[in-house]
Amino acid sequence: MTPMTIGGTYKTYGLSLWRWVSSSLKGGGDRVRANLDFELSQVLVEAGLRQAGQDERPDLLLRYEAAPGVLIAELIDPSTDKCVWRTDLRGDLEEESIVDESGLTWRV
């Protein structure tokens, strides 16, 4: 059985052009962005999504911003331009939290 997400609505994702990395992060923006792309893609694959092919329109777009100790990532439905999932991670392990402001629960 193939895993599905949010009631089987979304199956593919793509990387948005909107992926901002603070210049204050070590390693520079391009290297950090590549690492974040890889790590977040692994999470999405584990959740049952696959990366859309080159000529395929993705069901969801991954966008994020990263600064020292902060990562905010969200999945956007490009047909409605609405956020269907969002996480706000803070570097302090005691204060780290995941916030879902969309009102939807991420399900596999």
Protein backbone atom coordinates (compact mmCIF):
# COMPACT_ATOMS: atom_id res chain seq x y z
CA MET A 1 0.00 0.00 0.00
CA THR A 2 1.40 3.43 -0.98
CA PRO A 3 1.37 6.00 1.83
CA MET A 4 -0.81 9.05 1.17
CA THR A 5 -1.00 12.44 2.79
CA ILE A 6 -3.92 14.49 4.07
CA GLY A 7 -6.63 12.14 2.91
CA GLY A 8 -4.80 11.22 -0.30
CA THR A 9 -5.10 14.74 -1.69
CA TYR A 10 -1.40 15.44 -2.22
CA LYS A 11 1.13 13.06 -3.73
CA THR A 12 3.96 15.21 -5.13
CA TYR A 13 6.04 18.17 -4.01
CA GLY A 14 8.44 20.57 -5.63
CA LEU A 15 10.93 23.10 -4.32
CA SER A 16 9.68 26.67 -4.35
CA LEU A 17 11.92 29.48 -5.57
CA TRP A 18 11.19 31.05 -2.18
CA ARG A 19 13.80 29.34 0.02
CA TRP A 20 15.65 31.98 2.02
CA VAL A 21 18.80 31.29 4.04
CA SER A 22 20.37 33.95 6.24
CA SER A 23 23.88 34.95 5.20
CA SER A 24 24.84 34.65 8.88
CA LEU A 25 24.61 30.84 8.72
CA LYS A 26 27.97 29.10 8.39
CA GLY A 27 28.78 27.59 5.01
CA GLY A 28 27.01 30.18 2.92
CA GLY A 29 23.51 30.24 1.52
CA ASP A 30 23.91 27.78 -1.37
CA ARG A 31 25.43 24.99 0.70
CA VAL A 32 22.99 25.45 3.57
CA ARG A 33 20.07 25.62 1.12
CA ALA A 34 21.21 22.36 -0.53
CA ASN A 35 21.44 20.66 2.88
CA LEU A 36 18.00 21.92 3.90
CA ASP A 37 16.51 20.85 0.55
CA PHE A 38 17.89 17.35 1.09
CA GLU A 39 16.84 17.01 4.74
CA LEU A 40 13.33 18.38 4.21
CA SER A 41 12.91 16.24 1.10
CA GLN A 42 13.71 13.17 3.20
CA VAL A 43 10.94 14.14 5.65
CA LEU A 44 8.47 14.60 2.80
CA VAL A 45 9.36 11.24 1.24
CA GLU A 46 8.90 9.55 4.63
CA ALA A 47 5.47 11.22 4.82
CA GLY A 48 4.51 9.57 1.55
CA LEU A 49 5.19 12.34 -0.97
CA ARG A 50 7.47 12.05 -3.97
CA GLN A 51 9.32 14.83 -5.74
CA ALA A 52 7.50 15.88 -8.91
CA GLY A 53 9.23 15.12 -12.18
CA GLN A 54 10.81 17.86 -14.25
CA ASP A 55 7.76 18.26 -16.54
CA GLU A 56 5.20 17.57 -13.81
CA ARG A 57 3.29 20.20 -11.85
CA PRO A 58 3.75 19.47 -8.12
CA ASP A 59 0.75 19.19 -5.81
CA LEU A 60 2.66 21.10 -3.12
CA LEU A 61 5.54 23.57 -3.01
CA LEU A 62 8.08 23.52 -0.18
CA ARG A 63 9.29 26.93 0.94
CA TYR A 64 11.28 27.93 3.99
CA GLU A 65 13.44 30.47 5.70
CA ALA A 66 16.39 29.67 7.91
CA ALA A 67 18.47 31.78 10.27
CA PRO A 68 20.69 30.82 13.21
CA GLY A 69 18.53 28.67 15.50
CA VAL A 70 15.35 29.08 13.45
CA LEU A 71 13.73 27.12 10.63
CA ILE A 72 10.29 27.97 9.35
CA ALA A 73 9.05 25.65 6.59
CA GLU A 74 5.70 25.32 4.93
CA LEU A 75 3.97 23.43 2.18
CA ILE A 76 1.83 25.53 -0.16
CA ASP A 77 -0.93 24.27 -2.43
CA PRO A 78 -0.05 26.11 -5.67
CA SER A 79 -3.60 25.87 -7.02
CA THR A 80 -4.99 27.85 -4.06
CA ASP A 81 -1.78 29.52 -2.79
CA LYS A 82 -2.76 28.37 0.72
CA CYS A 83 -0.52 26.87 3.36
CA VAL A 84 -1.51 23.26 4.15
CA TRP A 85 1.32 22.56 6.62
CA ARG A 86 3.77 24.71 8.56
CA THR A 87 6.48 24.13 11.11
CA ASP A 88 8.36 26.66 13.20
CA LEU A 89 11.43 25.08 14.80
CA ARG A 90 13.64 26.91 17.28
CA GLY A 91 17.18 25.85 18.15
CA ASP A 92 16.71 25.74 21.92
CA LEU A 93 15.77 22.10 22.53
CA GLU A 94 13.83 23.02 25.67
CA GLU A 95 11.77 25.56 23.72
CA GLU A 96 11.57 23.69 20.38
CA SER A 97 8.03 23.33 19.14
CA ILE A 98 6.10 22.47 16.02
CA VAL A 99 3.27 24.84 15.22
CA ASP A 100 0.52 23.91 12.79
CA GLU A 101 -1.24 27.15 11.96
CA SER A 102 -3.18 25.73 9.03
CA GLY A 103 -5.64 23.80 11.18
CA LEU A 104 -4.87 20.62 9.21
CA THR A 105 -3.20 17.56 10.64
CA TRP A 106 -0.37 15.99 8.68
CA ARG A 107 -1.19 12.32 8.18
CA VAL A 108 0.57 9.45 6.46
